[in-house]
N, C-alpha and C. Protein backbone atom coordinates (compact mmCIF):
# COMPACT_ATOMS: atom_id res chain seq x y z
N UNK A 1 0.84 -1.23 0.16
CA UNK A 1 0.09 -0.13 -0.23
C UNK A 1 0.75 1.44 -0.04
N UNK A 2 0.66 1.87 -0.95
CA UNK A 2 1.42 3.34 -1.07
C UNK A 2 0.42 4.45 -0.75
N UNK A 3 1.15 5.38 0.22
CA UNK A 3 0.37 6.65 0.37
C UNK A 3 1.12 7.73 -0.20
N UNK A 4 0.41 8.66 -0.42
CA UNK A 4 0.99 10.09 -0.74
C UNK A 4 -0.06 11.10 -0.27
N UNK A 5 0.74 11.98 0.71
CA UNK A 5 -0.29 13.08 1.34
C UNK A 5 -1.28 12.27 2.32
N UNK A 6 -1.31 11.26 2.89
CA UNK A 6 -2.24 10.38 3.53
C UNK A 6 -3.50 10.07 2.51
N UNK A 7 -3.38 9.91 1.35
CA UNK A 7 -4.20 9.46 0.27
C UNK A 7 -3.85 8.06 0.08
N UNK A 8 -4.65 7.22 -0.01
CA UNK A 8 -4.51 5.79 -0.63
C UNK A 8 -4.37 5.93 -2.06
N UNK A 9 -3.10 5.10 -2.50
CA UNK A 9 -3.18 5.32 -3.97
C UNK A 9 -3.32 3.67 -4.71
N UNK A 10 -3.32 2.95 -4.07
CA UNK A 10 -3.50 1.56 -4.26
C UNK A 10 -4.39 0.81 -3.87
N UNK A 11 -5.36 -0.09 -4.48
CA UNK A 11 -6.31 -0.99 -4.13
C UNK A 11 -5.98 -2.22 -3.27
N UNK A 12 -6.48 -2.71 -2.59
CA UNK A 12 -6.08 -4.13 -1.83
C UNK A 12 -7.39 -4.82 -1.57
N UNK A 13 -6.95 -5.97 -1.26
CA UNK A 13 -7.87 -7.15 -1.17
C UNK A 13 -7.46 -8.14 -0.11
N UNK A 14 -8.54 -8.55 0.81
CA UNK A 14 -8.17 -9.70 2.15
C UNK A 14 -9.05 -10.68 1.84
N UNK A 15 -8.75 -11.79 2.15
CA UNK A 15 -9.54 -13.11 2.62
C UNK A 15 -8.95 -13.45 3.79
N UNK A 16 -9.64 -14.25 4.54
CA UNK A 16 -9.14 -14.82 6.10
C UNK A 16 -8.31 -15.51 5.67
N UNK A 17 -7.15 -15.39 6.57
CA UNK A 17 -6.04 -16.44 6.83
C UNK A 17 -5.59 -16.27 8.34
N UNK A 18 -4.59 -17.09 8.47
CA UNK A 18 -4.12 -17.07 10.00
C UNK A 18 -3.46 -16.14 10.42
N UNK A 19 -3.08 -15.20 9.65
CA UNK A 19 -2.32 -13.76 10.18
C UNK A 19 -3.33 -12.75 10.38
N UNK A 20 -4.71 -12.66 9.76
CA UNK A 20 -5.52 -11.90 10.03
C UNK A 20 -6.91 -12.31 10.78
N UNK A 21 -6.80 -13.60 11.31
CA UNK A 21 -8.15 -14.10 12.08
C UNK A 21 -7.69 -14.31 13.58
N UNK A 22 -8.54 -13.94 14.21
CA UNK A 22 -8.30 -13.88 15.88
C UNK A 22 -9.29 -14.38 16.52
N UNK A 23 -9.43 -14.94 17.70
CA UNK A 23 -10.36 -15.24 18.62
C UNK A 23 -9.97 -13.98 19.58
N UNK A 24 -11.20 -13.06 19.69
CA UNK A 24 -11.04 -12.10 20.61
C UNK A 24 -12.31 -12.14 21.42
N UNK A 25 -12.45 -12.44 22.81
CA UNK A 25 -13.14 -12.33 23.73
C UNK A 25 -14.22 -13.62 23.32
N UNK A 26 -15.42 -13.52 23.04
CA UNK A 26 -16.19 -14.46 22.69
C UNK A 26 -16.49 -14.68 21.13
N UNK A 27 -15.72 -13.71 20.33
CA UNK A 27 -15.97 -13.62 19.03
C UNK A 27 -14.95 -14.42 18.01
N UNK A 28 -14.87 -14.58 16.82
CA UNK A 28 -13.94 -14.82 15.80
C UNK A 28 -13.87 -13.60 14.87
N UNK A 29 -12.91 -12.82 14.75
CA UNK A 29 -12.83 -11.98 14.09
C UNK A 29 -11.41 -11.94 12.88
N UNK A 30 -12.10 -11.55 11.77
CA UNK A 30 -10.95 -11.21 10.70
C UNK A 30 -10.68 -10.05 10.11
N UNK A 31 -9.63 -9.66 10.45
CA UNK A 31 -9.58 -8.10 10.08
C UNK A 31 -9.05 -8.01 8.46
N UNK A 32 -10.16 -7.60 7.82
CA UNK A 32 -10.32 -7.77 6.16
C UNK A 32 -9.42 -6.56 5.75
N UNK A 33 -9.60 -5.33 6.31
CA UNK A 33 -9.03 -4.02 5.96
C UNK A 33 -8.41 -3.75 7.53
N UNK A 34 -7.07 -3.47 7.58
CA UNK A 34 -6.45 -2.99 8.95
C UNK A 34 -5.92 -1.44 8.98
N UNK A 35 -5.82 -0.71 9.87
CA UNK A 35 -5.54 0.56 10.05
C UNK A 35 -4.49 1.07 9.13
N UNK A 36 -3.60 -0.29 9.31
CA UNK A 36 -2.01 0.42 8.61
C UNK A 36 -2.12 0.43 7.06
N UNK A 37 -3.44 -0.55 6.73
CA UNK A 37 -3.63 -0.32 5.39
C UNK A 37 -4.17 0.83 5.01
N UNK A 38 -4.86 1.83 5.72
CA UNK A 38 -5.51 2.74 5.45
C UNK A 38 -4.91 4.09 6.28
N UNK A 39 -3.84 4.14 6.39
CA UNK A 39 -3.34 5.38 7.16
C UNK A 39 -4.04 5.57 8.44
N UNK A 40 -4.70 4.57 8.87
CA UNK A 40 -5.64 4.87 10.28
C UNK A 40 -6.82 5.55 9.83
N UNK A 41 -7.12 5.56 8.67
CA UNK A 41 -8.59 6.20 8.42
C UNK A 41 -9.73 5.33 8.70
N UNK A 42 -9.50 3.93 8.60
CA UNK A 42 -10.76 3.03 8.92
C UNK A 42 -10.31 1.33 8.82
N UNK A 43 -10.97 0.68 9.63
CA UNK A 43 -10.81 -0.60 9.50
C UNK A 43 -12.00 -1.47 9.12
N UNK A 44 -11.98 -2.74 8.85
CA UNK A 44 -13.03 -3.48 8.31
C UNK A 44 -12.83 -4.88 9.05
N UNK A 45 -13.69 -5.41 9.82
CA UNK A 45 -13.62 -6.74 10.43
C UNK A 45 -14.60 -7.38 10.32
N UNK A 46 -14.58 -8.59 9.80
CA UNK A 46 -15.56 -9.59 9.78
C UNK A 46 -15.81 -10.43 11.26
N UNK A 47 -16.90 -10.08 11.87
CA UNK A 47 -16.88 -10.91 13.27
C UNK A 47 -18.07 -11.86 13.24
N UNK A 48 -17.85 -12.98 14.04
CA UNK A 48 -19.04 -13.81 14.19
C UNK A 48 -19.13 -14.23 15.65
N UNK A 49 -20.31 -13.97 15.98
CA UNK A 49 -20.44 -13.97 17.49
C UNK A 49 -21.54 -14.98 18.20
N UNK A 50 -21.45 -15.60 19.02
CA UNK A 50 -22.29 -16.37 19.48
C UNK A 50 -23.57 -15.68 19.44
N UNK A 51 -24.90 -16.66 19.58
CA UNK A 51 -26.18 -15.87 19.78
C UNK A 51 -26.37 -15.32 21.02
N UNK A 52 -27.23 -14.30 21.33
CA UNK A 52 -27.43 -13.74 22.75
C UNK A 52 -26.22 -13.37 23.62
N UNK A 53 -25.27 -12.95 22.55
CA UNK A 53 -24.01 -12.41 23.35
C UNK A 53 -23.76 -11.19 22.80
N UNK A 54 -22.81 -10.33 23.73
CA UNK A 54 -22.66 -9.07 23.39
C UNK A 54 -21.72 -8.60 24.46
N UNK A 55 -21.08 -7.42 24.13
CA UNK A 55 -19.98 -6.76 24.93
C UNK A 55 -20.75 -5.96 26.07
N UNK A 56 -20.42 -5.45 27.06
CA UNK A 56 -21.25 -4.73 27.94
C UNK A 56 -21.20 -3.50 27.35
N UNK A 57 -22.11 -2.47 27.71
CA UNK A 57 -22.23 -1.14 27.32
C UNK A 57 -20.80 -0.35 27.32
N UNK A 58 -20.56 -0.01 26.22
CA UNK A 58 -19.33 0.85 26.32
C UNK A 58 -19.35 2.06 25.26
N UNK A 59 -18.56 3.05 25.30
CA UNK A 59 -18.35 4.31 24.76
C UNK A 59 -16.84 4.16 23.91
N UNK A 60 -16.90 4.54 22.60
CA UNK A 60 -15.79 4.76 21.86
C UNK A 60 -15.36 6.12 21.61
N UNK A 61 -14.21 6.82 22.23
CA UNK A 61 -13.67 8.31 22.18
C UNK A 61 -13.22 8.42 21.12
N UNK A 62 -12.43 7.22 20.16
CA UNK A 62 -11.60 7.55 19.07
C UNK A 62 -11.97 7.24 17.78
N UNK A 63 -13.16 6.53 17.74
CA UNK A 63 -13.47 6.03 16.42
C UNK A 63 -15.16 5.60 16.43
N UNK A 64 -15.53 5.81 15.22
CA UNK A 64 -16.83 5.16 15.08
C UNK A 64 -17.02 3.74 14.49
N UNK A 65 -18.23 3.10 14.81
CA UNK A 65 -18.16 1.96 14.36
C UNK A 65 -19.34 1.90 13.32
N UNK A 66 -19.38 1.01 12.54
CA UNK A 66 -20.61 0.84 11.46
C UNK A 66 -20.53 -0.80 11.29
N UNK A 67 -21.85 -1.21 11.54
CA UNK A 67 -22.31 -2.64 11.56
C UNK A 67 -22.80 -2.89 10.30
N UNK A 68 -22.66 -4.23 9.70
CA UNK A 68 -23.67 -4.92 8.62
C UNK A 68 -24.06 -6.08 9.06
N UNK A 69 -25.12 -6.49 9.38
CA UNK A 69 -25.51 -7.64 10.32
C UNK A 69 -26.18 -8.41 8.93
N UNK A 70 -25.47 -9.68 9.07
CA UNK A 70 -25.60 -10.44 7.96
C UNK A 70 -26.67 -11.43 8.20
N UNK A 71 -26.85 -11.93 9.49
CA UNK A 71 -27.89 -12.95 9.83
C UNK A 71 -28.13 -12.72 11.14
N UNK A 72 -29.72 -12.82 11.79
CA UNK A 72 -29.81 -12.41 12.96
C UNK A 72 -30.31 -10.92 13.39
N UNK A 73 -29.89 -10.43 14.24
CA UNK A 73 -30.21 -9.36 14.82
C UNK A 73 -28.97 -8.88 16.05
N UNK A 74 -28.91 -7.37 16.03
CA UNK A 74 -28.20 -6.79 17.07
C UNK A 74 -29.14 -5.79 17.63
N UNK A 75 -29.03 -5.48 19.19
CA UNK A 75 -29.58 -4.45 19.64
C UNK A 75 -28.36 -3.37 20.33
N UNK A 76 -28.79 -2.08 19.78
CA UNK A 76 -27.76 -1.12 19.79
C UNK A 76 -28.17 0.15 20.87
N UNK A 77 -27.52 0.40 21.64
CA UNK A 77 -28.14 1.66 22.69
C UNK A 77 -27.28 2.65 22.48
N UNK A 78 -27.87 3.71 21.74
CA UNK A 78 -27.19 5.09 21.64
C UNK A 78 -27.81 5.93 22.39
N UNK A 79 -27.15 6.37 23.28
CA UNK A 79 -27.51 7.43 24.18
C UNK A 79 -29.18 6.99 24.73
N UNK A 80 -29.99 7.58 24.65
CA UNK A 80 -31.45 6.97 24.94
C UNK A 80 -32.05 6.29 24.04
N UNK A 81 -31.56 6.17 23.08
CA UNK A 81 -32.08 5.34 21.79
C UNK A 81 -31.98 4.29 21.66
N UNK A 82 -32.75 3.13 21.52
CA UNK A 82 -32.51 1.59 21.47
C UNK A 82 -32.78 1.55 19.95
N UNK A 83 -31.83 0.41 19.47
CA UNK A 83 -32.19 0.27 17.96
C UNK A 83 -31.84 -1.28 17.67
N UNK A 84 -32.68 -1.81 17.22
CA UNK A 84 -32.79 -3.15 16.69
C UNK A 84 -32.37 -3.18 15.33
N UNK A 85 -30.96 -3.51 15.01
CA UNK A 85 -30.74 -3.78 13.58
C UNK A 85 -30.87 -5.22 13.29
N UNK A 86 -31.56 -5.34 12.26
CA UNK A 86 -31.71 -6.83 11.73
C UNK A 86 -31.22 -6.83 10.21
N UNK A 87 -30.81 -8.29 10.14
CA UNK A 87 -30.49 -8.70 8.47
C UNK A 87 -31.62 -8.48 7.77
N UNK A 88 -31.61 -7.90 6.76
CA UNK A 88 -32.90 -7.67 5.79
C UNK A 88 -32.67 -7.04 4.68
N UNK A 89 -31.69 -6.25 4.47
CA UNK A 89 -31.61 -5.46 3.18
C UNK A 89 -31.69 -6.36 2.01
N UNK A 90 -30.64 -7.11 2.14
CA UNK A 90 -30.92 -8.21 1.22
C UNK A 90 -32.08 -8.80 0.67
N UNK A 91 -32.97 -9.28 1.88
CA UNK A 91 -34.04 -9.81 1.73
C UNK A 91 -35.07 -8.82 0.89
N UNK A 92 -34.95 -7.41 1.02
CA UNK A 92 -35.82 -6.40 0.72
C UNK A 92 -35.49 -6.36 -0.87
N UNK A 93 -34.32 -6.53 -1.17
CA UNK A 93 -33.82 -6.60 -2.70
C UNK A 93 -34.15 -7.78 -3.39
N UNK A 94 -33.80 -8.91 -2.55
CA UNK A 94 -34.53 -10.13 -3.23
C UNK A 94 -36.05 -10.30 -3.47
N UNK A 95 -36.91 -9.60 -2.38
CA UNK A 95 -38.20 -9.73 -2.76
C UNK A 95 -38.89 -8.64 -3.92
N UNK A 96 -38.37 -7.68 -3.93
CA UNK A 96 -38.40 -6.67 -4.89
C UNK A 96 -37.86 -7.03 -6.43
N UNK A 97 -36.49 -7.34 -6.31
CA UNK A 97 -35.75 -7.46 -7.58
C UNK A 97 -35.77 -8.84 -8.20
N UNK A 98 -35.17 -8.79 -9.37
CA UNK A 98 -35.30 -9.80 -10.44
C UNK A 98 -33.99 -10.31 -10.64
N UNK A 99 -33.72 -11.61 -10.29
CA UNK A 99 -32.51 -12.47 -10.45
C UNK A 99 -32.06 -12.27 -11.92
N UNK A 100 -30.50 -11.95 -12.05
CA UNK A 100 -30.08 -11.70 -13.16
C UNK A 100 -28.75 -12.39 -13.45
N UNK A 101 -28.19 -12.75 -14.56
CA UNK A 101 -26.92 -13.23 -14.57
C UNK A 101 -25.82 -12.19 -13.96
N UNK A 102 -24.94 -12.77 -13.71
CA UNK A 102 -23.68 -11.79 -12.95
C UNK A 102 -23.17 -10.80 -14.36
N UNK A 103 -23.01 -11.11 -15.30
CA UNK A 103 -22.73 -10.05 -16.55
C UNK A 103 -23.89 -9.25 -16.84
N UNK A 104 -25.05 -9.41 -16.27
CA UNK A 104 -26.38 -8.47 -16.85
C UNK A 104 -25.96 -7.23 -16.97
N UNK A 105 -26.17 -6.33 -18.12
CA UNK A 105 -26.16 -5.09 -18.15
C UNK A 105 -27.37 -4.27 -17.10
N UNK A 106 -27.05 -3.12 -17.02
CA UNK A 106 -28.03 -2.41 -16.23
C UNK A 106 -29.55 -2.49 -16.96
N UNK A 107 -30.60 -2.57 -16.01
CA UNK A 107 -31.80 -2.58 -16.33
C UNK A 107 -32.09 -1.42 -17.23
N UNK A 108 -33.03 -1.70 -18.19
CA UNK A 108 -33.58 -0.51 -19.16
C UNK A 108 -35.07 -0.12 -18.57
N UNK A 109 -35.16 0.83 -17.72
CA UNK A 109 -36.27 1.07 -17.01
C UNK A 109 -36.90 2.41 -17.56
N UNK A 110 -38.27 2.68 -17.10
CA UNK A 110 -38.83 4.15 -17.55
C UNK A 110 -39.43 4.49 -16.12
N UNK A 111 -40.08 5.44 -16.24
CA UNK A 111 -40.76 5.90 -14.93
C UNK A 111 -41.67 4.63 -14.37
N UNK A 112 -41.78 4.76 -13.07
CA UNK A 112 -42.61 3.36 -12.68
C UNK A 112 -44.07 3.74 -12.54
N UNK A 113 -44.71 2.46 -12.85
CA UNK A 113 -46.48 2.68 -13.13
C UNK A 113 -46.81 2.88 -11.30
N UNK A 114 -47.79 3.36 -11.33
CA UNK A 114 -48.50 3.52 -9.74
C UNK A 114 -48.41 2.06 -9.00
N UNK A 115 -48.87 1.21 -9.98
CA UNK A 115 -49.02 -0.42 -9.14
C UNK A 115 -47.26 -0.63 -8.43
N UNK A 116 -46.53 -0.51 -9.25
CA UNK A 116 -45.06 -0.68 -9.03
C UNK A 116 -44.64 0.25 -7.85
N UNK A 117 -45.07 1.59 -7.78
CA UNK A 117 -44.70 2.44 -6.57
C UNK A 117 -45.35 1.70 -5.48
N UNK A 118 -46.91 1.54 -5.52
CA UNK A 118 -47.42 0.86 -4.12
C UNK A 118 -46.95 -0.50 -3.78
N UNK A 119 -46.55 -1.19 -4.77
CA UNK A 119 -45.80 -2.46 -4.35
C UNK A 119 -44.42 -2.00 -3.62
N UNK A 120 -43.61 -1.11 -3.81
CA UNK A 120 -42.51 -0.77 -3.33
C UNK A 120 -42.80 -0.15 -1.84
N UNK A 121 -43.61 0.80 -1.71
CA UNK A 121 -44.20 1.15 -0.59
C UNK A 121 -44.50 0.31 0.49
N UNK A 122 -45.35 -0.68 0.22
CA UNK A 122 -45.94 -1.77 0.87
C UNK A 122 -44.60 -2.53 1.19
N UNK A 123 -43.87 -3.11 0.43
CA UNK A 123 -42.99 -4.18 0.80
C UNK A 123 -41.85 -3.44 1.47
N UNK A 124 -41.46 -2.27 1.40
CA UNK A 124 -40.70 -1.63 2.09
C UNK A 124 -40.92 -1.36 3.84
N UNK A 125 -42.35 -1.21 3.74
CA UNK A 125 -42.70 -1.21 5.21
C UNK A 125 -42.29 -2.25 6.22
N UNK A 126 -42.25 -3.28 5.58
CA UNK A 126 -41.95 -4.67 6.20
C UNK A 126 -40.31 -4.38 6.63
N UNK A 127 -39.66 -3.63 5.93
CA UNK A 127 -38.13 -3.78 6.21
C UNK A 127 -37.66 -2.34 7.03
N UNK A 128 -38.94 -1.84 7.24
CA UNK A 128 -38.52 -0.41 8.17
C UNK A 128 -38.16 0.85 7.12
N UNK A 129 -38.71 0.81 5.99
CA UNK A 129 -38.29 1.68 5.05
C UNK A 129 -39.41 2.43 4.51
N UNK A 130 -39.27 3.87 4.72
CA UNK A 130 -40.60 4.65 4.21
C UNK A 130 -40.25 5.94 3.48
N UNK A 131 -41.18 6.53 2.50
CA UNK A 131 -40.79 7.36 1.67
C UNK A 131 -41.89 8.34 1.96
N UNK A 132 -41.49 9.29 2.74
CA UNK A 132 -42.64 10.49 3.08
C UNK A 132 -43.39 11.17 2.10
N UNK A 133 -42.43 11.32 1.06
CA UNK A 133 -43.13 12.20 0.11
C UNK A 133 -43.84 11.37 -0.69
N UNK A 134 -43.43 10.06 -1.29
CA UNK A 134 -44.14 9.39 -1.97
C UNK A 134 -45.63 9.15 -1.30
N UNK A 135 -45.55 8.88 -0.27
CA UNK A 135 -46.54 8.40 0.48
C UNK A 135 -47.61 9.45 0.89
N UNK A 136 -46.89 10.73 1.10
CA UNK A 136 -47.91 12.00 0.96
C UNK A 136 -48.49 12.08 -0.22
N UNK A 137 -48.05 12.01 -1.54
CA UNK A 137 -48.64 11.67 -2.62
C UNK A 137 -49.63 11.01 -3.00
N UNK A 138 -49.36 9.70 -2.35
CA UNK A 138 -50.19 8.67 -2.53
C UNK A 138 -51.48 8.82 -1.59
N UNK A 139 -51.40 9.35 -0.51
CA UNK A 139 -52.55 9.67 0.29
C UNK A 139 -53.52 10.93 -0.16
N UNK A 140 -52.95 11.75 -1.09
CA UNK A 140 -53.54 12.91 -1.25
C UNK A 140 -54.37 12.65 -2.44
N UNK A 141 -54.24 11.27 -3.17
CA UNK A 141 -55.22 10.98 -4.43
C UNK A 141 -56.42 10.42 -3.89
């Protein structure tokens, strides 16, 4: 990895191997991108945890965390707010999308029909996604 004025100049790719996979507390953690790869800008870890386990409430003073829940759910406490993050965006895409070959070109689409918009809004609600402007327009009809 080459850095110029703290900018990354080369792409990199990681797969799990003996030097980047660790047992950490009750987790198995694979460091796919480490801080030394990004001049300390970010890191990416793939974490596998046992069900119904998690760390005690804690604060990070020096970094932010981002989570992508692939299976199950996690509960996060952010200030007074409680968020249950569930696996599901992939389910949303699968429910509304159409399977295509890997090398398929971008779809050719025009403006959606009202029926397609209604379907999008209805299915989205199952996944906690709302469209205030679209729903407002639909409710005034």
